[in-house]
């Protein structure tokens, strides 16, 4: 549980850093609603943890970045978006900090539910 909280904090901190970017109040062309974006962020977080556990100790930073991009591709395909669409959606939600905070709490709850359901 402690590891999950640390990883979730790191994820939240990364999104906080995105908040320093200029925000756009307009919805992106390929807009993901709150539920879709929350689910996408949950899947991305799970993928990041799996990649970290599998590759972090054996590969250099460039190799990890390549594996991450490859791992995100099926997630983005599932939601019918590109990486550019993902960035545009993140910028939109960063411009709405209260909504983003709620979404991140929901991501944490999703991860906790998955961890509890784990046999």
N, C-alpha and C. Protein backbone atom coordinates (compact mmCIF):
# COMPACT_ATOMS: atom_id res chain seq x y z
N UNK A 1 0.83 -1.19 0.00
CA UNK A 1 0.00 0.00 0.00
C UNK A 1 0.87 1.25 0.00
N UNK A 2 1.95 1.21 0.80
CA UNK A 2 2.85 2.36 0.88
C UNK A 2 3.46 2.66 -0.49
N UNK A 3 3.84 1.59 -1.21
CA UNK A 3 4.43 1.75 -2.54
C UNK A 3 3.43 2.40 -3.50
N UNK A 4 2.16 1.98 -3.42
CA UNK A 4 1.12 2.55 -4.26
C UNK A 4 0.96 4.03 -3.98
N UNK A 5 0.97 4.40 -2.71
CA UNK A 5 0.82 5.81 -2.36
C UNK A 5 2.00 6.64 -2.85
N UNK A 6 3.20 6.10 -2.73
CA UNK A 6 4.38 6.82 -3.21
C UNK A 6 4.31 7.00 -4.71
N UNK A 7 3.94 5.94 -5.43
CA UNK A 7 3.84 6.03 -6.89
C UNK A 7 2.72 6.97 -7.32
N UNK A 8 1.61 6.96 -6.58
CA UNK A 8 0.52 7.86 -6.90
C UNK A 8 0.93 9.31 -6.65
N UNK A 9 1.68 9.54 -5.57
CA UNK A 9 2.17 10.88 -5.29
C UNK A 9 3.08 11.34 -6.42
N UNK A 10 3.94 10.46 -6.90
CA UNK A 10 4.84 10.81 -8.00
C UNK A 10 4.06 11.15 -9.26
N UNK A 11 3.00 10.39 -9.51
CA UNK A 11 2.14 10.65 -10.67
C UNK A 11 1.48 12.01 -10.52
N UNK A 12 0.96 12.28 -9.32
CA UNK A 12 0.32 13.57 -9.06
C UNK A 12 1.29 14.72 -9.20
N UNK A 13 2.51 14.51 -8.73
CA UNK A 13 3.53 15.56 -8.85
C UNK A 13 3.84 15.84 -10.31
N UNK A 14 3.91 14.79 -11.12
CA UNK A 14 4.15 14.97 -12.55
C UNK A 14 3.05 15.78 -13.21
N UNK A 15 1.81 15.48 -12.82
CA UNK A 15 0.70 16.26 -13.37
C UNK A 15 0.72 17.69 -12.86
N UNK A 16 1.16 17.87 -11.61
CA UNK A 16 1.30 19.23 -11.07
C UNK A 16 2.30 20.01 -11.92
N UNK A 17 3.38 19.37 -12.31
CA UNK A 17 4.38 20.05 -13.15
C UNK A 17 3.77 20.48 -14.47
N UNK A 18 2.84 19.67 -14.99
CA UNK A 18 2.15 20.05 -16.21
C UNK A 18 1.33 21.32 -16.02
N UNK A 19 0.91 21.56 -14.79
CA UNK A 19 0.09 22.73 -14.53
C UNK A 19 0.87 24.02 -14.73
N UNK A 20 2.16 23.94 -14.79
CA UNK A 20 2.98 25.12 -15.05
C UNK A 20 2.92 25.52 -16.52
N UNK A 21 2.42 24.62 -17.35
CA UNK A 21 2.29 24.91 -18.77
C UNK A 21 1.09 25.82 -18.98
N UNK A 22 1.10 26.60 -20.05
CA UNK A 22 -0.08 27.43 -20.32
C UNK A 22 -1.30 26.55 -20.55
N UNK A 23 -2.42 26.98 -19.99
CA UNK A 23 -3.62 26.16 -20.13
C UNK A 23 -4.52 26.69 -21.24
N UNK A 24 -5.35 25.82 -21.74
CA UNK A 24 -6.32 26.18 -22.77
C UNK A 24 -7.70 25.90 -22.19
N UNK A 25 -8.56 26.88 -22.23
CA UNK A 25 -9.89 26.69 -21.67
C UNK A 25 -10.83 26.02 -22.66
N UNK A 26 -10.47 26.03 -23.94
CA UNK A 26 -11.31 25.39 -24.94
C UNK A 26 -11.10 23.88 -24.93
N UNK A 27 -12.19 23.17 -25.16
CA UNK A 27 -12.08 21.71 -25.24
C UNK A 27 -11.31 21.35 -26.49
N UNK A 28 -10.42 20.36 -26.37
CA UNK A 28 -9.67 19.92 -27.55
C UNK A 28 -10.60 19.28 -28.58
N UNK A 29 -10.11 19.20 -29.79
CA UNK A 29 -10.89 18.61 -30.88
C UNK A 29 -11.30 17.18 -30.56
N UNK A 30 -10.37 16.38 -30.10
CA UNK A 30 -10.63 14.98 -29.74
C UNK A 30 -10.76 14.89 -28.22
N UNK A 31 -11.84 15.46 -27.69
CA UNK A 31 -12.04 15.63 -26.26
C UNK A 31 -12.41 14.32 -25.57
N UNK A 32 -11.78 14.07 -24.40
CA UNK A 32 -12.15 12.96 -23.54
C UNK A 32 -12.89 13.53 -22.33
N UNK A 33 -14.08 13.00 -22.05
CA UNK A 33 -14.82 13.50 -20.90
C UNK A 33 -14.13 13.04 -19.60
N UNK A 34 -14.64 13.51 -18.48
CA UNK A 34 -14.02 13.24 -17.18
C UNK A 34 -13.82 11.74 -16.93
N UNK A 35 -14.85 10.95 -17.21
CA UNK A 35 -14.77 9.51 -16.97
C UNK A 35 -13.73 8.86 -17.87
N UNK A 36 -13.76 9.21 -19.15
CA UNK A 36 -12.79 8.64 -20.09
C UNK A 36 -11.36 9.03 -19.69
N UNK A 37 -11.18 10.29 -19.35
CA UNK A 37 -9.83 10.76 -18.99
C UNK A 37 -9.36 10.11 -17.70
N UNK A 38 -10.24 9.95 -16.73
CA UNK A 38 -9.88 9.27 -15.48
C UNK A 38 -9.47 7.83 -15.76
N UNK A 39 -10.23 7.14 -16.59
CA UNK A 39 -9.88 5.75 -16.93
C UNK A 39 -8.56 5.69 -17.69
N UNK A 40 -8.37 6.63 -18.62
CA UNK A 40 -7.10 6.68 -19.37
C UNK A 40 -5.93 6.90 -18.41
N UNK A 41 -6.06 7.85 -17.49
CA UNK A 41 -4.97 8.12 -16.54
C UNK A 41 -4.71 6.92 -15.63
N UNK A 42 -5.77 6.19 -15.29
CA UNK A 42 -5.59 4.98 -14.48
C UNK A 42 -4.78 3.94 -15.25
N UNK A 43 -5.13 3.73 -16.52
CA UNK A 43 -4.41 2.76 -17.34
C UNK A 43 -2.96 3.18 -17.56
N UNK A 44 -2.74 4.47 -17.76
CA UNK A 44 -1.38 4.97 -17.93
C UNK A 44 -0.57 4.73 -16.66
N UNK A 45 -1.17 4.98 -15.52
CA UNK A 45 -0.45 4.79 -14.24
C UNK A 45 -0.08 3.33 -14.05
N UNK A 46 -1.00 2.44 -14.34
CA UNK A 46 -0.71 1.00 -14.21
C UNK A 46 0.43 0.62 -15.15
N UNK A 47 0.39 1.12 -16.36
CA UNK A 47 1.43 0.83 -17.35
C UNK A 47 2.78 1.35 -16.86
N UNK A 48 2.80 2.55 -16.30
CA UNK A 48 4.05 3.11 -15.80
C UNK A 48 4.64 2.27 -14.67
N UNK A 49 3.79 1.80 -13.78
CA UNK A 49 4.28 0.96 -12.67
C UNK A 49 4.84 -0.34 -13.21
N UNK A 50 4.12 -0.96 -14.14
CA UNK A 50 4.61 -2.21 -14.71
C UNK A 50 5.93 -2.01 -15.44
N UNK A 51 6.04 -0.95 -16.20
CA UNK A 51 7.29 -0.66 -16.91
C UNK A 51 8.42 -0.39 -15.93
N UNK A 52 8.13 0.35 -14.89
CA UNK A 52 9.16 0.66 -13.90
C UNK A 52 9.66 -0.63 -13.25
N UNK A 53 8.74 -1.48 -12.84
CA UNK A 53 9.13 -2.74 -12.19
C UNK A 53 9.90 -3.65 -13.13
N UNK A 54 9.52 -3.65 -14.41
CA UNK A 54 10.13 -4.56 -15.37
C UNK A 54 11.44 -4.04 -15.94
N UNK A 55 11.51 -2.75 -16.23
CA UNK A 55 12.63 -2.24 -17.03
C UNK A 55 13.59 -1.31 -16.30
N UNK A 56 13.15 -0.69 -15.24
CA UNK A 56 13.94 0.39 -14.66
C UNK A 56 15.35 -0.06 -14.27
N UNK A 57 15.49 -1.24 -13.78
CA UNK A 57 16.78 -1.68 -13.29
C UNK A 57 17.70 -2.20 -14.40
N UNK A 58 17.14 -2.43 -15.59
CA UNK A 58 17.91 -3.08 -16.64
C UNK A 58 18.21 -2.22 -17.86
N UNK A 59 17.55 -1.07 -17.97
CA UNK A 59 17.68 -0.27 -19.19
C UNK A 59 18.05 1.17 -18.86
N UNK A 60 18.61 1.83 -19.86
CA UNK A 60 18.92 3.25 -19.69
C UNK A 60 17.67 4.09 -19.94
N UNK A 61 17.78 5.40 -19.71
CA UNK A 61 16.63 6.29 -19.81
C UNK A 61 16.00 6.31 -21.21
N UNK A 62 16.82 6.31 -22.25
CA UNK A 62 16.28 6.33 -23.61
C UNK A 62 15.49 5.07 -23.92
N UNK A 63 15.99 3.94 -23.46
CA UNK A 63 15.31 2.68 -23.69
C UNK A 63 13.98 2.64 -22.94
N UNK A 64 13.97 3.16 -21.72
CA UNK A 64 12.73 3.21 -20.94
C UNK A 64 11.72 4.11 -21.64
N UNK A 65 12.18 5.24 -22.17
CA UNK A 65 11.28 6.16 -22.88
C UNK A 65 10.66 5.46 -24.09
N UNK A 66 11.46 4.70 -24.84
CA UNK A 66 10.96 3.97 -26.00
C UNK A 66 9.93 2.93 -25.58
N UNK A 67 10.23 2.17 -24.52
CA UNK A 67 9.28 1.17 -24.03
C UNK A 67 7.98 1.83 -23.57
N UNK A 68 8.10 3.00 -22.95
CA UNK A 68 6.91 3.72 -22.48
C UNK A 68 6.05 4.13 -23.66
N UNK A 69 6.65 4.70 -24.70
CA UNK A 69 5.90 5.11 -25.88
C UNK A 69 5.20 3.91 -26.52
N UNK A 70 5.89 2.79 -26.58
CA UNK A 70 5.31 1.59 -27.17
C UNK A 70 4.16 1.07 -26.30
N UNK A 71 4.30 1.19 -24.98
CA UNK A 71 3.27 0.71 -24.07
C UNK A 71 2.03 1.60 -24.10
N UNK A 72 2.22 2.89 -24.34
CA UNK A 72 1.08 3.81 -24.40
C UNK A 72 0.26 3.64 -25.67
N UNK A 73 0.88 3.18 -26.73
CA UNK A 73 0.20 3.09 -28.04
C UNK A 73 -1.13 2.34 -27.97
N UNK A 74 -1.20 1.14 -27.35
CA UNK A 74 -2.50 0.46 -27.30
C UNK A 74 -3.52 1.19 -26.42
N UNK A 75 -3.05 1.89 -25.41
CA UNK A 75 -3.97 2.65 -24.56
C UNK A 75 -4.57 3.80 -25.37
N UNK A 76 -3.72 4.52 -26.08
CA UNK A 76 -4.21 5.62 -26.90
C UNK A 76 -5.14 5.09 -28.00
N UNK A 77 -4.82 3.95 -28.57
CA UNK A 77 -5.67 3.36 -29.61
C UNK A 77 -7.04 2.99 -29.04
N UNK A 78 -7.06 2.48 -27.83
CA UNK A 78 -8.32 2.11 -27.18
C UNK A 78 -9.25 3.32 -27.05
N UNK A 79 -8.67 4.46 -26.74
CA UNK A 79 -9.46 5.69 -26.56
C UNK A 79 -9.54 6.52 -27.87
N UNK A 80 -8.97 5.98 -28.93
CA UNK A 80 -9.00 6.62 -30.26
C UNK A 80 -8.40 8.03 -30.22
N UNK A 81 -7.23 8.12 -29.57
CA UNK A 81 -6.52 9.39 -29.51
C UNK A 81 -5.06 9.19 -29.88
N UNK A 82 -4.39 10.29 -30.14
CA UNK A 82 -2.94 10.28 -30.36
C UNK A 82 -2.27 10.88 -29.12
N UNK A 83 -0.95 10.82 -29.11
CA UNK A 83 -0.22 11.46 -28.01
C UNK A 83 -0.51 12.95 -27.97
N UNK A 84 -0.63 13.56 -29.16
CA UNK A 84 -0.94 14.99 -29.23
C UNK A 84 -2.32 15.27 -28.65
N UNK A 85 -3.30 14.39 -28.91
CA UNK A 85 -4.63 14.53 -28.32
C UNK A 85 -4.56 14.41 -26.80
N UNK A 86 -3.76 13.47 -26.32
CA UNK A 86 -3.58 13.28 -24.88
C UNK A 86 -3.03 14.57 -24.25
N UNK A 87 -2.01 15.15 -24.87
CA UNK A 87 -1.44 16.39 -24.35
C UNK A 87 -2.47 17.52 -24.34
N UNK A 88 -3.26 17.61 -25.41
CA UNK A 88 -4.28 18.66 -25.49
C UNK A 88 -5.34 18.48 -24.40
N UNK A 89 -5.73 17.24 -24.15
CA UNK A 89 -6.69 16.97 -23.09
C UNK A 89 -6.10 17.29 -21.72
N UNK A 90 -4.83 16.94 -21.52
CA UNK A 90 -4.18 17.26 -20.24
C UNK A 90 -4.12 18.77 -20.04
N UNK A 91 -3.79 19.51 -21.07
CA UNK A 91 -3.74 20.96 -20.95
C UNK A 91 -5.12 21.52 -20.62
N UNK A 92 -6.15 20.96 -21.21
CA UNK A 92 -7.51 21.40 -20.91
C UNK A 92 -7.82 21.19 -19.43
N UNK A 93 -7.54 19.98 -18.93
CA UNK A 93 -7.87 19.67 -17.54
C UNK A 93 -6.96 20.39 -16.54
N UNK A 94 -5.72 20.65 -16.92
CA UNK A 94 -4.83 21.43 -16.06
C UNK A 94 -5.40 22.83 -15.87
N UNK A 95 -6.10 23.33 -16.87
CA UNK A 95 -6.74 24.64 -16.79
C UNK A 95 -7.96 24.64 -15.88
N UNK A 96 -8.35 23.45 -15.41
CA UNK A 96 -9.47 23.30 -14.48
C UNK A 96 -8.99 22.50 -13.27
N UNK A 97 -8.21 23.15 -12.40
CA UNK A 97 -7.53 22.42 -11.33
C UNK A 97 -8.44 21.66 -10.37
N UNK A 98 -9.61 22.17 -10.06
CA UNK A 98 -10.50 21.44 -9.15
C UNK A 98 -11.00 20.15 -9.77
N UNK A 99 -11.32 20.21 -11.05
CA UNK A 99 -11.76 19.01 -11.76
C UNK A 99 -10.60 18.01 -11.88
N UNK A 100 -9.42 18.50 -12.19
CA UNK A 100 -8.25 17.62 -12.30
C UNK A 100 -7.94 16.97 -10.96
N UNK A 101 -8.05 17.73 -9.89
CA UNK A 101 -7.81 17.16 -8.55
C UNK A 101 -8.79 16.03 -8.26
N UNK A 102 -10.06 16.24 -8.59
CA UNK A 102 -11.07 15.19 -8.39
C UNK A 102 -10.74 13.97 -9.23
N UNK A 103 -10.32 14.19 -10.47
CA UNK A 103 -9.97 13.07 -11.35
C UNK A 103 -8.79 12.29 -10.78
N UNK A 104 -7.79 12.99 -10.26
CA UNK A 104 -6.62 12.30 -9.70
C UNK A 104 -7.00 11.50 -8.46
N UNK A 105 -7.93 12.02 -7.67
CA UNK A 105 -8.42 11.25 -6.52
C UNK A 105 -9.13 10.00 -7.00
N UNK A 106 -9.89 10.13 -8.09
CA UNK A 106 -10.57 8.96 -8.66
C UNK A 106 -9.57 7.95 -9.21
N UNK A 107 -8.50 8.41 -9.80
CA UNK A 107 -7.44 7.51 -10.27
C UNK A 107 -6.88 6.73 -9.09
N UNK A 108 -6.61 7.43 -7.99
CA UNK A 108 -6.08 6.77 -6.79
C UNK A 108 -7.07 5.73 -6.27
N UNK A 109 -8.36 6.09 -6.23
CA UNK A 109 -9.38 5.13 -5.79
C UNK A 109 -9.45 3.92 -6.72
N UNK A 110 -9.35 4.15 -8.02
CA UNK A 110 -9.33 3.04 -8.98
C UNK A 110 -8.17 2.10 -8.71
N UNK A 111 -7.00 2.69 -8.47
CA UNK A 111 -5.81 1.87 -8.21
C UNK A 111 -5.94 1.10 -6.90
N UNK A 112 -6.51 1.72 -5.89
CA UNK A 112 -6.71 1.04 -4.60
C UNK A 112 -7.69 -0.12 -4.76
N UNK A 113 -8.77 0.09 -5.53
CA UNK A 113 -9.74 -0.99 -5.78
C UNK A 113 -9.07 -2.15 -6.49
N UNK A 114 -8.26 -1.86 -7.48
CA UNK A 114 -7.56 -2.90 -8.22
C UNK A 114 -6.59 -3.66 -7.32
N UNK A 115 -5.93 -2.93 -6.44
CA UNK A 115 -4.98 -3.57 -5.54
C UNK A 115 -5.70 -4.48 -4.56
N UNK A 116 -6.86 -4.06 -4.05
CA UNK A 116 -7.62 -4.87 -3.12
C UNK A 116 -8.19 -6.10 -3.81
N UNK A 117 -8.55 -5.98 -5.07
CA UNK A 117 -9.12 -7.10 -5.82
C UNK A 117 -8.07 -8.12 -6.24
N UNK A 118 -6.82 -7.72 -6.14
CA UNK A 118 -5.71 -8.59 -6.53
C UNK A 118 -5.66 -9.82 -5.61
N UNK A 119 -5.58 -11.03 -6.21
CA UNK A 119 -5.58 -12.26 -5.37
C UNK A 119 -4.33 -12.40 -4.54
